Amino acid sequence: MAVTHRLTVPPGKAGERLDRYLAGALPSLSRSRIQQLIGEGLVTLTDAEARPSARLKGNERITVSIPPPRPLDLVPENRPVAVLFEDVHLMVIEKPAGMVVHPAPGHSAGTLVHALLSRAGSLSGIGGVDRPGIVHRLDRDTSGIIVVAKNDASHAGLSSQLASHKMVRRYRGIVWGRPPRDEGEVRTRVGRHPVHRRKMAVFPVVSPRIRGGGTAAKPGIVSPGGERGRRIAVTRYRFLESFGGFSLLEFQLTTGRTHQVRLHCAHLSCPIVGDDVYGRPRKVALGRGKEAVTVTVSRFLLHAFRLGFVHPLTGRQMEFTAPDPPEFGEFRAAVLAAER
């Protein structure tokens, strides 16, 4: 069954590209998926055929028609999945580190989607053929809780909560050093890195700002430039404990940009341990002198431990937690052993 979205462009969005506006207004759809729908003539701008690069003037009427999902080319794979909750509308999963959420270049098999298709049989079609059921994502090396929609009604309801910041998403992570204050808020823009196109980067809103205190970003993390295509990212953090030269932090996401927590930790000058893209190498030297040892971290130490939302069909308040993964305890033990 087709799903239709009807929107009116706010005056404040004047000058923005159509595809970029829709990516923000309909977070369940990726920008590439939106461009695909526009190319297929399924998006109209004030009742006329639209182009992805069309510049908005404000107050236009936009209609987005999402067709029923095409038959999947994906082959279900019988992989173990830790299911925290399941009914006819959705599933709540604890994703292990190392598993990619959905197919992408270089990851055509072995994803969470392949495993879910084997268990669930059918998933919502709003995310497109390659991303059935996917409402939000976790990086490959991030473990933790994710909700998956089995039908389009569930997907639309969950996406609405995500867009309005009503879905509770909390993470824990082990970082180098310690943040400038025990708790605070990081508010920046996040966008594609201007040089390294496979990376994201932090950009200032007006100037780099950390509510509750903080430091300027490290060189190479904040990049100057225009604001177009860069979206506001907000992360609250709370210090939990220190051991050796490391800290355990808790994060609450207000927004959910790509690599957001990892980028904001680097912005605070306390990158996630094991994050060799935005932080330091995975080989970590512990201790000093003859007693020094080197520990290799197999993944970055970030875990989505809590997820809360209202069930989109029953209205029931739901909340799920998952304990810290074994890698957290193993690394902490290695640090404390090296300190003795």
Protein backbone atom coordinates (compact mmCIF):
# COMPACT_ATOMS: atom_id res chain seq x y z
CA MET A 1 0.00 0.00 0.00
CA ALA A 2 1.36 3.43 -0.99
CA VAL A 3 2.11 6.04 1.69
CA THR A 4 1.60 9.75 0.92
CA HIS A 5 3.13 12.67 2.81
CA ARG A 6 1.82 16.23 2.30
CA LEU A 7 3.96 19.09 3.58
CA THR A 8 3.97 22.87 3.48
CA VAL A 9 7.43 24.45 3.34
CA PRO A 10 8.06 26.82 6.29
CA PRO A 11 9.15 30.33 5.23
CA GLY A 12 12.41 29.82 7.10
CA LYS A 13 13.40 27.08 4.63
CA ALA A 14 13.45 29.49 1.67
CA GLY A 15 16.57 28.97 -0.43
CA GLU A 16 17.12 25.35 0.63
CA ARG A 17 17.32 22.56 -1.94
CA LEU A 18 14.22 20.40 -2.17
CA ASP A 19 16.04 17.10 -1.56
CA ARG A 20 17.85 18.47 1.49
CA TYR A 21 14.66 19.88 2.96
CA LEU A 22 12.84 16.56 2.53
CA ALA A 23 15.73 14.64 4.10
CA GLY A 24 15.20 16.72 7.25
CA ALA A 25 11.40 16.73 7.14
CA LEU A 26 11.11 12.97 6.48
CA PRO A 27 13.96 11.38 8.48
CA SER A 28 12.80 7.86 7.62
CA LEU A 29 13.94 8.51 4.04
CA SER A 30 17.60 8.85 3.09
CA ARG A 31 18.56 11.64 0.74
CA SER A 32 19.40 9.13 -1.99
CA ARG A 33 15.96 7.54 -1.55
CA ILE A 34 14.33 10.99 -1.85
CA GLN A 35 16.28 11.70 -5.03
CA GLN A 36 15.13 8.35 -6.38
CA LEU A 37 11.47 9.18 -5.63
CA ILE A 38 11.87 12.58 -7.31
CA GLY A 39 13.42 10.92 -10.38
CA GLU A 40 10.47 8.54 -10.57
CA GLY A 41 8.03 11.48 -10.58
CA LEU A 42 6.66 10.64 -7.12
CA VAL A 43 7.35 14.07 -5.62
CA THR A 44 5.45 17.18 -6.67
CA LEU A 45 6.23 20.77 -5.74
CA THR A 46 3.05 22.92 -5.76
CA ASP A 47 1.43 20.34 -8.05
CA ALA A 48 4.28 20.49 -10.60
CA GLU A 49 7.03 17.99 -11.33
CA ALA A 50 9.97 18.50 -9.00
CA ARG A 51 13.75 18.46 -9.37
CA PRO A 52 16.14 17.50 -6.50
CA SER A 53 18.03 20.79 -6.88
CA ALA A 54 14.92 23.00 -6.93
CA ARG A 55 15.32 25.96 -4.57
CA LEU A 56 12.44 26.46 -2.19
CA LYS A 57 10.75 29.83 -1.74
CA GLY A 58 8.64 29.02 1.30
CA ASN A 59 4.94 28.10 1.62
CA GLU A 60 5.04 25.66 -1.32
CA ARG A 61 3.00 22.47 -1.11
CA ILE A 62 4.95 19.23 -1.44
CA THR A 63 3.47 15.79 -1.98
CA VAL A 64 5.66 12.71 -1.58
CA SER A 65 4.21 9.36 -2.66
CA ILE A 66 6.03 6.25 -1.48
CA PRO A 67 5.04 3.20 -3.51
CA PRO A 68 4.58 -0.26 -2.01
CA PRO A 69 7.91 -2.03 -1.60
CA ARG A 70 9.24 -3.90 -4.60
CA PRO A 71 10.08 -7.57 -4.11
CA LEU A 72 13.33 -7.81 -2.23
CA ASP A 73 16.45 -9.05 -3.94
CA LEU A 74 17.98 -9.60 -0.52
CA VAL A 75 18.37 -13.22 0.52
CA PRO A 76 17.40 -13.86 4.16
CA GLU A 77 20.27 -15.22 6.26
CA ASN A 78 19.82 -17.40 9.30
CA ARG A 79 21.97 -15.40 11.71
CA PRO A 80 21.36 -15.19 15.47
CA VAL A 81 19.64 -12.00 16.59
CA ALA A 82 19.08 -10.96 20.22
CA VAL A 83 15.40 -9.93 20.33
CA LEU A 84 14.32 -7.86 23.34
CA PHE A 85 10.71 -7.44 22.20
CA GLU A 86 8.59 -8.45 19.22
CA ASP A 87 4.97 -8.13 18.14
CA VAL A 88 3.21 -7.92 14.78
CA HIS A 89 4.25 -4.27 14.34
CA LEU A 90 7.88 -3.99 15.40
CA MET A 91 10.97 -5.65 16.84
CA VAL A 92 13.50 -4.34 19.36
CA ILE A 93 16.96 -5.80 18.76
CA GLU A 94 20.30 -5.72 20.54
CA LYS A 95 22.76 -5.36 17.68
CA PRO A 96 26.25 -6.77 18.22
CA ALA A 97 29.37 -4.80 17.38
CA GLY A 98 30.75 -5.64 13.95
CA MET A 99 27.36 -6.05 12.23
CA VAL A 100 26.34 -3.53 9.57
CA VAL A 101 22.68 -2.49 9.85
CA HIS A 102 21.72 -2.51 6.16
CA PRO A 103 23.34 -3.35 2.80
CA ALA A 104 25.77 -0.77 1.45
CA PRO A 105 28.75 -0.77 -0.91
CA GLY A 106 31.18 -3.35 0.43
CA HIS A 107 28.52 -4.94 2.65
CA SER A 108 26.12 -6.82 0.42
CA ALA A 109 25.58 -9.68 2.88
CA GLY A 110 25.73 -10.42 6.58
CA THR A 111 23.80 -7.33 7.65
CA LEU A 112 21.14 -6.95 10.32
CA VAL A 113 18.52 -6.60 7.58
CA HIS A 114 19.49 -10.01 6.14
CA ALA A 115 19.17 -11.58 9.59
CA LEU A 116 15.82 -9.90 10.32
CA LEU A 117 14.31 -11.01 7.02
CA SER A 118 15.01 -14.59 8.03
CA ARG A 119 13.16 -14.10 11.32
CA ALA A 120 10.44 -11.56 10.56
CA GLY A 121 9.54 -12.56 7.00
CA SER A 122 8.45 -9.02 6.07
CA LEU A 123 9.52 -5.52 7.10
CA SER A 124 8.24 -2.03 6.34
CA GLY A 125 8.96 -0.68 2.85
CA ILE A 126 9.36 3.02 3.67
CA GLY A 127 13.14 2.76 3.83
CA GLY A 128 13.37 1.37 0.31
CA VAL A 129 14.45 -2.00 -1.01
CA ASP A 130 17.86 -1.98 0.67
CA ARG A 131 16.70 -0.64 4.04
CA PRO A 132 13.42 -2.38 4.86
CA GLY A 133 12.26 -1.70 8.41
CA ILE A 134 15.19 0.53 9.32
CA VAL A 135 14.02 3.54 11.36
CA HIS A 136 17.40 4.54 12.82
CA ARG A 137 20.90 3.14 12.57
CA LEU A 138 23.97 2.32 14.59
CA ASP A 139 27.52 2.31 13.23
CA ARG A 140 28.97 -1.10 12.48
CA ASP A 141 31.21 -1.08 15.56
CA THR A 142 28.57 0.38 17.89
CA SER A 143 26.63 -2.23 19.82
CA GLY A 144 23.24 -1.76 21.40
CA ILE A 145 19.51 -1.37 21.00
CA ILE A 146 17.70 -0.60 17.77
CA VAL A 147 13.98 -0.70 16.87
CA VAL A 148 12.85 -2.12 13.52
CA ALA A 149 9.43 -1.61 11.90
CA LYS A 150 7.53 -4.55 10.45
CA ASN A 151 4.93 -2.45 8.60
CA ASP A 152 4.61 1.05 7.16
CA ALA A 153 2.22 2.32 9.84
CA SER A 154 4.70 1.38 12.56
CA HIS A 155 7.58 2.88 10.58
CA ALA A 156 5.78 6.20 10.08
CA GLY A 157 4.89 6.45 13.80
CA LEU A 158 8.40 5.67 14.98
CA SER A 159 9.96 8.06 12.45
CA SER A 160 7.66 10.83 13.66
CA GLN A 161 8.88 10.33 17.24
CA LEU A 162 12.48 10.34 16.03
CA ALA A 163 11.96 13.57 14.08
CA SER A 164 10.25 15.32 17.01
CA HIS A 165 12.99 14.19 19.46
CA LYS A 166 10.52 12.15 21.52
CA MET A 167 12.46 8.90 21.18
CA VAL A 168 14.87 8.40 24.08
CA ARG A 169 18.31 7.22 22.96
CA ARG A 170 21.15 6.91 25.45
CA TYR A 171 24.67 5.62 24.96
CA ARG A 172 27.66 4.81 27.13
CA GLY A 173 31.21 5.14 25.94
CA ILE A 174 34.78 4.91 27.24
CA VAL A 175 36.83 7.94 26.20
CA TRP A 176 40.38 9.18 26.45
CA GLY A 177 40.83 11.70 29.25
CA ARG A 178 37.92 13.52 30.82
CA PRO A 179 35.50 16.17 29.51
CA PRO A 180 35.86 19.76 30.73
CA ARG A 181 32.85 19.46 33.04
CA ASP A 182 30.98 16.58 34.63
CA GLU A 183 27.99 17.25 32.42
CA GLY A 184 27.10 19.53 29.55
CA GLU A 185 25.68 19.87 26.08
CA VAL A 186 27.50 19.95 22.76
CA ARG A 187 25.68 21.83 19.99
CA THR A 188 27.29 22.09 16.54
CA ARG A 189 26.51 21.46 12.92
CA VAL A 190 27.53 18.15 11.36
CA GLY A 191 28.18 17.60 7.67
CA ARG A 192 30.34 15.80 5.16
CA HIS A 193 34.06 16.47 5.60
CA PRO A 194 35.19 18.95 2.94
CA VAL A 195 38.27 16.88 2.03
CA HIS A 196 37.76 13.32 3.26
CA ARG A 197 34.38 12.56 1.75
CA ARG A 198 33.88 9.30 3.64
CA LYS A 199 34.16 11.12 6.95
CA MET A 200 31.88 13.54 8.71
CA ALA A 201 33.04 16.77 10.35
CA VAL A 202 31.90 19.23 12.99
CA PHE A 203 31.15 22.80 11.93
CA PRO A 204 30.29 25.72 14.19
CA VAL A 205 26.77 27.08 14.49
CA VAL A 206 28.11 30.61 14.71
CA SER A 207 31.27 29.82 16.61
CA PRO A 208 32.13 26.52 18.35
CA ARG A 209 29.98 26.35 21.48
CA ILE A 210 29.67 23.87 24.32
CA ARG A 211 26.92 24.58 26.80
CA GLY A 212 27.95 23.98 30.35
CA GLY A 213 31.59 24.63 29.52
CA GLY A 214 34.10 23.07 27.19
CA THR A 215 36.99 23.64 24.89
CA ALA A 216 37.40 24.58 21.28
CA ALA A 217 37.61 21.71 18.85
CA LYS A 218 40.90 20.12 17.95
CA PRO A 219 42.48 21.23 14.65
CA GLY A 220 40.95 19.27 11.80
CA ILE A 221 37.70 18.54 13.62
CA VAL A 222 35.96 21.89 13.12
CA SER A 223 36.21 23.13 9.55
CA PRO A 224 35.21 26.59 8.33
CA GLY A 225 32.83 27.10 5.46
CA GLY A 226 29.23 27.68 4.49
CA GLU A 227 26.29 26.20 6.34
CA ARG A 228 24.50 24.54 3.43
CA GLY A 229 24.00 20.80 3.88
CA ARG A 230 25.16 20.88 7.51
CA ARG A 231 22.61 19.97 10.12
CA ILE A 232 22.34 20.88 13.80
CA ALA A 233 23.59 18.12 16.10
CA VAL A 234 22.97 18.14 19.87
CA THR A 235 24.42 15.70 22.40
CA ARG A 236 24.16 15.86 26.18
CA TYR A 237 26.91 14.10 28.11
CA ARG A 238 27.37 13.07 31.75
CA PHE A 239 30.57 11.89 33.45
CA LEU A 240 30.20 8.56 35.31
CA GLU A 241 33.69 7.51 36.43
CA SER A 242 37.41 7.65 35.65
CA PHE A 243 40.03 4.89 35.65
CA GLY A 244 43.61 5.52 34.67
CA GLY A 245 43.60 8.11 31.91
CA PHE A 246 40.12 7.17 30.72
CA SER A 247 36.50 7.99 31.56
CA LEU A 248 33.12 6.32 31.25
CA LEU A 249 30.52 8.77 29.93
CA GLU A 250 26.79 8.63 29.29
CA PHE A 251 25.30 10.41 26.27
CA GLN A 252 21.74 11.44 25.48
CA LEU A 253 20.97 12.22 21.85
CA THR A 254 18.64 15.05 20.98
CA THR A 255 19.43 14.66 17.30
CA GLY A 256 20.81 11.61 15.50
CA ARG A 257 23.36 12.68 12.90
CA THR A 258 25.84 10.31 11.31
CA HIS A 259 28.77 9.64 13.71
CA GLN A 260 27.36 12.29 16.07
CA VAL A 261 28.59 10.95 19.43
CA ARG A 262 32.02 10.08 18.01
CA LEU A 263 32.41 13.54 16.48
CA HIS A 264 31.26 15.35 19.60
CA CYS A 265 33.65 13.38 21.79
CA ALA A 266 36.51 14.36 19.48
CA HIS A 267 35.20 17.93 19.68
CA LEU A 268 35.52 17.73 23.48
CA SER A 269 39.13 16.49 23.05
CA CYS A 270 38.20 13.13 24.61
CA PRO A 271 37.66 10.77 21.66
CA ILE A 272 36.07 7.35 22.02
CA VAL A 273 38.62 4.63 22.76
CA GLY A 274 39.16 2.52 19.64
CA ASP A 275 37.83 5.18 17.26
CA ASP A 276 40.76 5.33 14.86
CA VAL A 277 38.81 7.53 12.43
CA TYR A 278 38.14 10.50 14.73
CA GLY A 279 40.47 9.64 17.60
CA ARG A 280 43.56 7.55 18.25
CA PRO A 281 44.91 4.17 17.05
CA ARG A 282 43.34 0.98 18.37
CA LYS A 283 46.64 -0.09 19.91
CA VAL A 284 46.58 1.50 23.37
CA ALA A 285 49.74 1.73 25.50
CA LEU A 286 49.03 1.18 29.21
CA GLY A 287 51.38 1.60 32.15
CA ARG A 288 54.93 2.90 32.16
CA GLY A 289 58.50 1.69 31.92
CA LYS A 290 59.23 -2.04 31.94
CA GLU A 291 55.70 -2.82 33.11
CA ALA A 292 54.07 -1.08 30.12
CA VAL A 293 51.75 -3.20 27.98
CA THR A 294 49.93 -2.60 24.72
CA VAL A 295 46.27 -3.53 24.42
CA THR A 296 44.57 -3.73 21.03
CA VAL A 297 40.93 -2.62 21.09
CA SER A 298 38.87 -4.57 18.55
CA ARG A 299 36.18 -1.90 18.16
CA PHE A 300 35.37 1.56 19.42
CA LEU A 301 33.89 1.39 22.89
CA LEU A 302 30.44 2.88 22.33
CA HIS A 303 27.17 1.17 23.26
CA ALA A 304 23.51 2.21 22.82
CA PHE A 305 22.29 0.98 26.20
CA ARG A 306 18.80 2.53 26.44
CA LEU A 307 15.93 3.09 24.01
CA GLY A 308 12.51 4.48 24.88
CA PHE A 309 9.49 5.28 22.71
CA VAL A 310 5.71 5.10 22.57
CA HIS A 311 4.44 2.08 20.66
CA PRO A 312 3.09 3.67 17.46
CA LEU A 313 0.01 1.42 17.27
CA THR A 314 -0.89 0.58 20.88
CA GLY A 315 0.21 3.83 22.58
CA ARG A 316 2.09 1.88 25.24
CA GLN A 317 5.21 3.52 26.71
CA MET A 318 8.16 1.21 26.10
CA GLU A 319 11.70 1.30 27.44
CA PHE A 320 14.58 -1.12 26.97
CA THR A 321 18.08 -1.35 28.42
CA ALA A 322 21.09 -3.50 27.61
CA PRO A 323 24.12 -3.97 29.90
CA ASP A 324 27.55 -2.76 28.86
CA PRO A 325 29.25 -5.23 26.49
CA PRO A 326 32.17 -7.43 27.71
CA GLU A 327 34.71 -5.22 25.92
CA PHE A 328 34.00 -2.41 28.39
CA GLY A 329 34.86 -4.54 31.43
CA GLU A 330 37.86 -6.12 29.73
CA PHE A 331 39.37 -2.75 28.85
CA ARG A 332 38.71 -1.33 32.32
CA ALA A 333 40.36 -4.37 33.92
CA ALA A 334 43.41 -4.02 31.67
CA VAL A 335 43.76 -0.33 32.57
CA LEU A 336 43.50 -0.99 36.31
CA ALA A 337 45.95 -3.90 36.10
CA ALA A 338 48.49 -1.69 34.32
CA GLU A 339 48.04 1.00 36.98
CA ARG A 340 48.97 -1.34 39.83
